[in-house]
C-alpha atoms as a PDB file:
ATOM      1  CA  MET A   1      20.331  13.880   4.756  1.00  0.00           C
ATOM      2  CA  ALA A   2      21.797  11.348   6.849  1.00  0.00           C
ATOM      3  CA  GLY A   3      19.327   8.879   8.504  1.00  0.00           C
ATOM      4  CA  GLN A   4      16.509   9.977   5.856  1.00  0.00           C
ATOM      5  CA  LEU A   5      15.221   7.637   3.136  1.00  0.00           C
ATOM      6  CA  ARG A   6      15.405   9.206  -0.238  1.00  0.00           C
ATOM      7  CA  PRO A   7      12.228   9.582  -2.171  1.00  0.00           C
ATOM      8  CA  PHE A   8      11.108   6.474  -4.263  1.00  0.00           C
ATOM      9  CA  THR A   9      14.038   4.290  -2.968  1.00  0.00           C
ATOM     10  CA  TYR A  10      11.987   2.061  -0.568  1.00  0.00           C
ATOM     11  CA  ILE A  11       8.935  -0.019  -0.076  1.00  0.00           C
ATOM     12  CA  VAL A  12       6.555   0.239   2.729  1.00  0.00           C
ATOM     13  CA  LYS A  13       4.981  -3.159   3.960  1.00  0.00           C
ATOM     14  CA  LEU A  14       2.247  -3.145   6.546  1.00  0.00           C
ATOM     15  CA  ALA A  15       0.875  -5.928   8.377  1.00  0.00           C
ATOM     16  CA  VAL A  16       0.285  -5.397  11.912  1.00  0.00           C
ATOM     17  CA  ASP A  17      -3.243  -6.706  13.119  1.00  0.00           C
ATOM     18  CA  GLY A  18      -5.379  -3.689  12.483  1.00  0.00           C
ATOM     19  CA  VAL A  19      -3.481  -0.676  13.325  1.00  0.00           C
ATOM     20  CA  GLU A  20      -2.340  -0.031   9.459  1.00  0.00           C
ATOM     21  CA  GLU A  21      -4.462   3.032   9.266  1.00  0.00           C
ATOM     22  CA  ALA A  22      -2.963   4.453  12.379  1.00  0.00           C
ATOM     23  CA  ILE A  23       0.528   3.850  10.977  1.00  0.00           C
ATOM     24  CA  VAL A  24      -0.389   5.556   7.475  1.00  0.00           C
ATOM     25  CA  ASN A  25      -1.698   8.722   9.441  1.00  0.00           C
ATOM     26  CA  GLY A  26       1.191   8.889  11.581  1.00  0.00           C
ATOM     27  CA  GLY A  27       3.601   8.740   8.966  1.00  0.00           C
ATOM     28  CA  PRO A  28       2.413  10.934   6.103  1.00  0.00           C
ATOM     29  CA  LYS A  29       6.151  11.813   4.488  1.00  0.00           C
ATOM     30  CA  THR A  30       7.431   7.930   4.671  1.00  0.00           C
ATOM     31  CA  ILE A  31       3.961   6.974   2.960  1.00  0.00           C
ATOM     32  CA  SER A  32       4.050   9.727   0.262  1.00  0.00           C
ATOM     33  CA  ASP A  33       7.683   8.978  -0.671  1.00  0.00           C
ATOM     34  CA  ALA A  34       7.625   5.354  -0.626  1.00  0.00           C
ATOM     35  CA  SER A  35       7.599   3.767  -4.278  1.00  0.00           C
ATOM     36  CA  LEU A  36       5.187   1.291  -3.582  1.00  0.00           C
ATOM     37  CA  ILE A  37       3.130   0.377  -0.354  1.00  0.00           C
ATOM     38  CA  ILE A  38       1.837  -2.956   0.658  1.00  0.00           C
ATOM     39  CA  ILE A  39      -1.082  -3.258   3.182  1.00  0.00           C
ATOM     40  CA  GLU A  40      -2.532  -6.431   4.487  1.00  0.00           C
ATOM     41  CA  SER A  41      -6.378  -6.346   4.678  1.00  0.00           C
ATOM     42  CA  SER A  42      -9.001  -8.622   6.127  1.00  0.00           C
ATOM     43  CA  LEU A  43     -11.985  -9.368   4.057  1.00  0.00           C
ATOM     44  CA  ASN A  44     -14.349 -10.043   7.141  1.00  0.00           C
ATOM     45  CA  ARG A  45     -14.058  -6.525   8.771  1.00  0.00           C
ATOM     46  CA  ARG A  46     -14.964  -3.918   6.138  1.00  0.00           C
ATOM     47  CA  ASN A  47     -11.590  -2.590   5.749  1.00  0.00           C
ATOM     48  CA  VAL A  48     -10.829  -3.086   2.278  1.00  0.00           C
ATOM     49  CA  VAL A  49     -12.649  -0.060   1.010  1.00  0.00           C
ATOM     50  CA  SER A  50     -11.466   2.010   3.885  1.00  0.00           C
ATOM     51  CA  ARG A  51      -7.848   1.112   3.167  1.00  0.00           C
ATOM     52  CA  ILE A  52      -8.286   1.818  -0.327  1.00  0.00           C
ATOM     53  CA  GLN A  53      -9.742   5.407   0.215  1.00  0.00           C
ATOM     54  CA  LEU A  54      -7.069   5.960   2.738  1.00  0.00           C
ATOM     55  CA  LEU A  55      -4.085   5.047   0.584  1.00  0.00           C
ATOM     56  CA  GLU A  56      -5.577   6.917  -2.533  1.00  0.00           C
ATOM     57  CA  SER A  57      -5.962   9.940  -0.375  1.00  0.00           C
ATOM     58  CA  LYS A  58      -1.990   9.888   0.189  1.00  0.00           C
ATOM     59  CA  GLY A  59      -1.037   9.886  -3.427  1.00  0.00           C
ATOM     60  CA  VAL A  60      -0.834   6.102  -4.160  1.00  0.00           C
ATOM     61  CA  ARG A  61      -3.196   4.187  -6.438  1.00  0.00           C
ATOM     62  CA  LEU A  62      -4.265   0.602  -5.922  1.00  0.00           C
ATOM     63  CA  TRP A  63      -1.914  -1.458  -8.487  1.00  0.00           C
ATOM     64  CA  ASP A  64      -2.681  -5.180  -7.454  1.00  0.00           C
ATOM     65  CA  ILE A  65      -4.194  -7.684  -5.230  1.00  0.00           C
ATOM     66  CA  CYS A  66      -2.136 -10.522  -3.813  1.00  0.00           C
ATOM     67  CA  ASP A  67      -1.228 -13.066  -1.428  1.00  0.00           C
ATOM     68  CA  PRO A  68      -4.616 -14.330  -0.727  1.00  0.00           C
ATOM     69  CA  ALA A  69      -5.023 -16.181   2.495  1.00  0.00           C
ATOM     70  CA  TYR A  70      -7.890 -18.857   3.223  1.00  0.00           C
ATOM     71  CA  TYR A  71      -9.185 -20.030   6.248  1.00  0.00           C
ATOM     72  CA  TYR A  72     -11.692 -22.779   6.690  1.00  0.00           C
ATOM     73  CA  GLY A  73     -12.019 -22.841   2.643  1.00  0.00           C
ATOM     74  CA  GLN A  74     -13.032 -19.050   2.493  1.00  0.00           C
ATOM     75  CA  LEU A  75     -10.825 -16.237   1.240  1.00  0.00           C
ATOM     76  CA  SER A  76      -9.887 -14.169   4.523  1.00  0.00           C
ATOM     77  CA  GLN A  77      -7.415 -11.534   3.921  1.00  0.00           C
ATOM     78  CA  VAL A  78      -4.974 -10.269   0.888  1.00  0.00           C
ATOM     79  CA  ASP A  79      -2.310  -7.737   0.766  1.00  0.00           C
ATOM     80  CA  LEU A  80      -3.303  -4.616  -1.368  1.00  0.00           C
ATOM     81  CA  VAL A  81      -0.208  -3.009  -3.353  1.00  0.00           C
ATOM     82  CA  PHE A  82      -0.311   0.384  -4.125  1.00  0.00           C
ATOM     83  CA  ILE A  83       1.984   2.301  -6.496  1.00  0.00           C
ATOM     84  CA  ASN A  84       2.824   5.987  -5.846  1.00  0.00           C
ATOM     85  CA  GLU A  85       1.334   8.135  -8.387  1.00  0.00           C
ATOM     86  CA  ARG A  86       4.428  10.240  -8.833  1.00  0.00           C
ATOM     87  CA  VAL A  87       6.344   7.104  -9.841  1.00  0.00           C
ATOM     88  CA  ARG A  88       3.509   5.691 -12.030  1.00  0.00           C
ATOM     89  CA  ALA A  89       3.385   9.230 -13.886  1.00  0.00           C
ATOM     90  CA  SER A  90       7.266   9.175 -14.313  1.00  0.00           C
ATOM     91  CA  ASP A  91       9.482   8.087 -17.423  1.00  0.00           C
ATOM     92  CA  ILE A  92      10.098   4.503 -16.437  1.00  0.00           C
ATOM     93  CA  ARG A  93      10.575   1.390 -18.621  1.00  0.00           C
ATOM     94  CA  PHE A  94       8.331  -1.051 -16.670  1.00  0.00           C
ATOM     95  CA  ARG A  95       4.390   0.249 -17.357  1.00  0.00           C
ATOM     96  CA  PRO A  96       2.285  -2.779 -17.277  1.00  0.00           C
ATOM     97  CA  TRP A  97      -0.681  -0.565 -16.904  1.00  0.00           C
ATOM     98  CA  GLU A  98      -0.203   0.586 -20.485  1.00  0.00           C
END
């Protein structure tokens, strides 16, 4: 197992100016074994809904929206935080959704 990440021991953060979907689709094992995934999403392009749908199809659920960025007084982008469904369903002490 040398060189491999163990499932649920890491977080993936994607902020790569518009190619996040290609990265998600290109690394399905890395995405599906991450405990959390954080993906930057612009609000002026219709990518918030598409990113939520894409990531939920990979076995993660939207958990939080944070890090709002405002440009010219208007909300422009946010970070979408997803939790892995297998982590969410496991017997862990931190369960703010309950």
